[in-house]
Protein backbone atom coordinates (compact mmCIF):
# COMPACT_ATOMS: atom_id res chain seq x y z
CA MET A 1 -24.27 207.05 -93.17
CA ARG A 2 -21.30 204.32 -92.53
CA ARG A 3 -18.46 205.25 -94.85
CA THR A 4 -19.09 208.57 -93.79
CA VAL A 5 -18.65 207.37 -90.90
CA ALA A 6 -15.13 205.56 -90.89
CA GLY A 7 -14.19 208.97 -93.55
CA LEU A 8 -13.90 210.60 -90.53
CA LEU A 9 -12.11 208.24 -87.74
CA VAL A 10 -9.29 207.68 -90.33
CA LEU A 11 -8.52 211.67 -90.41
CA LEU A 12 -9.30 212.17 -86.91
CA LEU A 13 -7.99 208.95 -84.86
CA GLY A 14 -6.00 206.99 -88.14
CA ALA A 15 -6.44 203.63 -88.71
CA ALA A 16 -3.55 202.04 -87.90
CA GLY A 17 -3.76 203.24 -84.42
CA CYS A 18 -7.91 201.89 -84.16
CA ALA A 19 -6.74 198.60 -86.09
CA GLY A 20 -4.13 197.34 -84.16
CA THR A 21 -1.81 196.42 -86.37
CA ARG A 22 2.48 196.32 -85.48
CA ARG A 23 5.00 199.04 -86.65
CA PRO A 24 7.62 200.10 -85.76
CA PRO A 25 7.40 203.43 -83.09
CA PRO A 26 7.04 206.69 -85.14
CA ALA A 27 9.84 208.78 -85.30
CA ASP A 28 7.93 211.83 -84.85
CA PRO A 29 8.41 213.10 -80.77
CA ALA A 30 5.03 214.81 -81.16
CA VAL A 31 2.85 211.50 -82.54
CA ALA A 32 5.45 209.29 -80.38
CA ALA A 33 4.07 211.52 -77.27
CA CYS A 34 0.35 210.55 -78.16
CA THR A 35 -1.68 207.55 -76.57
CA ASP A 36 -5.06 206.36 -78.23
CA TYR A 37 -7.91 205.58 -75.67
CA ARG A 38 -11.18 203.94 -75.70
CA LEU A 39 -12.88 204.56 -73.12
CA ARG A 40 -16.66 203.69 -71.93
CA ALA A 41 -17.86 206.56 -70.00
CA ARG A 42 -21.18 207.03 -67.23
CA TRP A 43 -22.50 209.80 -65.23
CA GLN A 44 -24.41 209.58 -62.72
CA ALA A 45 -26.09 212.75 -62.49
CA PRO A 46 -27.19 214.84 -59.87
CA PRO A 47 -31.24 214.85 -58.53
CA GLY A 48 -33.04 216.95 -61.18
CA GLU A 49 -30.97 216.59 -64.01
CA ARG A 50 -30.58 213.54 -66.59
CA SER A 51 -27.69 210.67 -66.26
CA ALA A 52 -25.76 209.75 -69.67
CA SER A 53 -23.29 206.87 -71.08
CA ALA A 54 -21.25 206.29 -73.60
CA ARG A 55 -17.93 204.54 -75.45
CA ILE A 56 -15.43 206.98 -76.60
CA ALA A 57 -12.66 205.97 -79.02
CA LEU A 58 -10.35 209.06 -77.75
CA ARG A 59 -6.48 210.24 -79.07
CA HIS A 60 -4.34 212.36 -76.49
CA CYS A 61 -2.04 214.40 -77.87
CA PRO A 62 -0.32 216.48 -74.82
CA GLU A 63 -0.51 220.26 -75.46
CA GLN A 64 -1.97 219.71 -78.80
CA GLY A 65 -4.94 218.86 -78.19
CA PHE A 66 -7.71 215.64 -78.65
CA ALA A 67 -9.39 214.06 -81.11
CA PHE A 68 -12.38 211.79 -80.24
CA GLU A 69 -15.78 209.45 -81.68
CA VAL A 70 -18.63 209.23 -78.68
CA ARG A 71 -21.39 207.12 -79.63
CA GLY A 72 -23.52 205.18 -77.69
CA ARG A 73 -25.57 207.92 -75.87
CA VAL A 74 -29.04 206.34 -75.63
CA GLY A 75 -30.98 208.84 -77.87
CA GLY A 76 -27.74 210.99 -79.06
CA PRO A 77 -26.52 211.21 -82.43
CA VAL A 78 -22.57 209.81 -83.26
CA LEU A 79 -20.25 212.18 -83.46
CA ALA A 80 -16.74 212.76 -84.09
CA GLY A 81 -15.08 216.36 -83.31
CA ALA A 82 -11.68 217.58 -81.42
CA ALA A 83 -10.91 219.72 -78.43
CA GLY A 84 -7.38 222.60 -77.96
CA ASP A 85 -6.73 225.72 -77.26
CA GLY A 86 -9.83 226.26 -76.08
CA ARG A 87 -11.47 225.16 -78.79
CA LEU A 88 -14.02 221.95 -79.60
CA ARG A 89 -15.40 221.35 -83.19
CA LEU A 90 -17.99 218.55 -83.64
CA LEU A 91 -19.22 216.57 -86.64
CA PHE A 92 -22.26 215.35 -87.31
CA PRO A 93 -22.17 212.82 -90.20
CA ARG A 94 -26.18 212.28 -90.16
CA GLN A 95 -26.69 215.85 -90.40
CA ARG A 96 -23.48 216.48 -91.96
CA GLU A 97 -22.98 219.09 -89.74
CA VAL A 98 -20.06 220.74 -88.08
CA ILE A 99 -20.05 222.68 -84.71
CA ASP A 100 -17.86 225.08 -83.99
CA GLY A 101 -17.74 225.81 -79.80
CA PRO A 102 -15.58 226.45 -76.72
CA ASP A 103 -14.09 223.74 -75.08
CA SER A 104 -15.89 223.85 -72.02
CA GLN A 105 -18.35 220.58 -69.79
CA VAL A 106 -21.32 223.15 -70.71
CA GLU A 107 -20.67 222.67 -74.26
CA TRP A 108 -19.61 218.93 -73.67
CA LYS A 109 -22.48 217.85 -72.05
CA ARG A 110 -24.66 219.34 -74.27
CA TRP A 111 -23.90 217.63 -77.30
CA THR A 112 -22.15 214.56 -75.29
CA GLY A 113 -24.28 214.10 -72.27
CA LEU A 114 -21.39 213.70 -70.59
CA PRO A 115 -19.72 216.92 -68.18
CA LEU A 116 -16.52 216.40 -70.44
CA SER A 117 -14.05 219.12 -71.45
CA GLY A 118 -10.18 219.06 -72.89
CA SER A 119 -8.78 220.49 -69.40
CA LEU A 120 -10.57 217.77 -67.24
CA LEU A 121 -10.12 215.00 -69.96
CA GLU A 122 -6.16 216.07 -69.61
CA GLY A 123 -6.37 215.96 -66.06
CA LEU A 124 -7.21 212.44 -65.44
CA LEU A 125 -5.17 210.87 -68.16
CA ARG A 126 -2.57 212.67 -67.20
CA GLY A 127 -2.47 211.54 -63.53
CA GLU A 128 -3.65 211.90 -59.97
CA GLN A 129 -0.49 214.19 -59.51
CA THR A 130 -2.02 216.57 -62.37
CA ALA A 131 -4.55 219.17 -60.88
CA LEU A 132 -8.17 219.11 -62.51
CA PRO A 133 -10.42 222.12 -63.60
CA GLY A 134 -13.32 223.23 -61.50
CA SER A 135 -14.50 221.90 -58.75
CA TRP A 136 -13.94 217.82 -59.53
CA ARG A 137 -12.36 216.04 -56.99
CA ARG A 138 -10.91 212.48 -57.87
CA VAL A 139 -12.33 209.53 -55.87
CA THR A 140 -9.79 206.69 -54.73
CA PRO A 141 -10.67 204.07 -54.66
CA SER A 142 -12.68 203.06 -57.47
CA ASP A 143 -14.40 200.77 -59.29
CA ALA A 144 -13.57 202.42 -62.19
CA ASP A 145 -10.49 203.65 -63.58
CA LEU A 146 -10.85 207.02 -63.02
CA GLU A 147 -13.55 208.76 -60.81
CA VAL A 148 -14.50 211.99 -60.39
CA VAL A 149 -17.18 213.82 -58.09
CA SER A 150 -18.15 217.09 -58.78
CA ALA A 151 -19.12 219.86 -56.57
CA ASP A 152 -22.76 219.91 -56.87
CA GLY A 153 -22.98 215.55 -56.19
CA GLY A 154 -22.38 214.09 -59.96
CA ARG A 155 -19.76 210.89 -60.34
CA LEU A 156 -18.53 210.45 -63.82
CA ARG A 157 -17.53 206.90 -63.66
CA LEU A 158 -14.42 206.47 -66.94
CA TRP A 159 -12.79 203.12 -67.75
CA LYS A 160 -10.55 202.09 -70.04
CA ILE A 161 -11.04 199.51 -72.60
CA ARG A 162 -7.82 199.89 -74.16
CA GLN A 163 -4.67 201.89 -74.71
CA ALA A 164 -1.68 201.85 -76.94
CA PRO A 165 0.79 204.37 -78.36
CA ALA A 166 -0.47 206.36 -81.01
CA ARG A 167 0.60 205.56 -85.14
CA GLN A 168 -0.37 209.40 -86.29
CA GLY A 169 -0.36 213.06 -84.33
CA PHE A 170 -2.76 215.29 -83.47
CA GLN A 171 -4.68 217.06 -86.65
CA TRP A 172 -7.93 219.99 -86.63
CA PRO A 173 -10.53 218.09 -88.16
CA ALA A 174 -11.51 220.25 -91.63
CA ALA A 175 -15.30 221.47 -91.81
CA PRO A 176 -15.87 218.37 -95.25
CA ALA A 177 -17.47 220.62 -98.27
CA GLY A 178 -20.93 220.34 -98.28
CA TRP A 179 -21.95 220.18 -94.77
CA ARG A 180 -23.50 222.76 -93.22
CA ARG A 181 -21.50 225.27 -90.31
CA ILE A 182 -23.07 226.37 -87.30
CA ASP A 183 -21.59 228.97 -84.37
CA SER A 184 -22.83 227.52 -81.08
CA SER A 185 -23.69 230.73 -79.92
CA ASP A 186 -26.10 231.56 -82.51
CA LEU A 187 -27.95 228.29 -80.89
CA PRO A 188 -30.83 228.58 -78.21
CA SER A 189 -28.93 227.95 -74.87
CA ALA A 190 -28.36 224.81 -73.62
CA GLY A 191 -30.41 221.99 -72.84
CA GLY A 192 -30.66 220.26 -75.84
CA SER A 193 -29.86 216.97 -76.89
CA GLY A 194 -28.12 218.58 -80.68
CA PRO A 195 -29.29 218.03 -83.72
């Protein structure tokens, strides 16, 4: 499985960007706008819900989308994926499954345990002057690099472990040959821990 995961990360995040090798800046303006992040995330859920934490490797390309890998959630699978244009695609190497669904907070939370979404990440990473979706509100000062609270009292903290210019652009991941494709709308309502 380790080799399969590594192959997905080369596709989604680019080996050069993650390895930190020194190369000339990319000439393509679309690539030059992209940034690679390594984040630590912690979700303190409101009473009655499950809290979660995870490590996230993330590529952000403004106006295009996000490619990411999530690992470290207790009881959860390692997964890679992408979000953009209102769509979310998740790849589960161990199960050899690809899940397609909407880029929504409910869908992210269902599979990662974290109430993220592409629009929330976009708002957080673009800076304090960018509006956040829904009822999210920034918390300052904070011991985290980014902290927001929801209307129901949930608290999401993100720490930037690493931030660097990306060496490759955003690419929507194809479903690997032989993997089972699943539309999330065909699954039971959210609440499970994923495949």
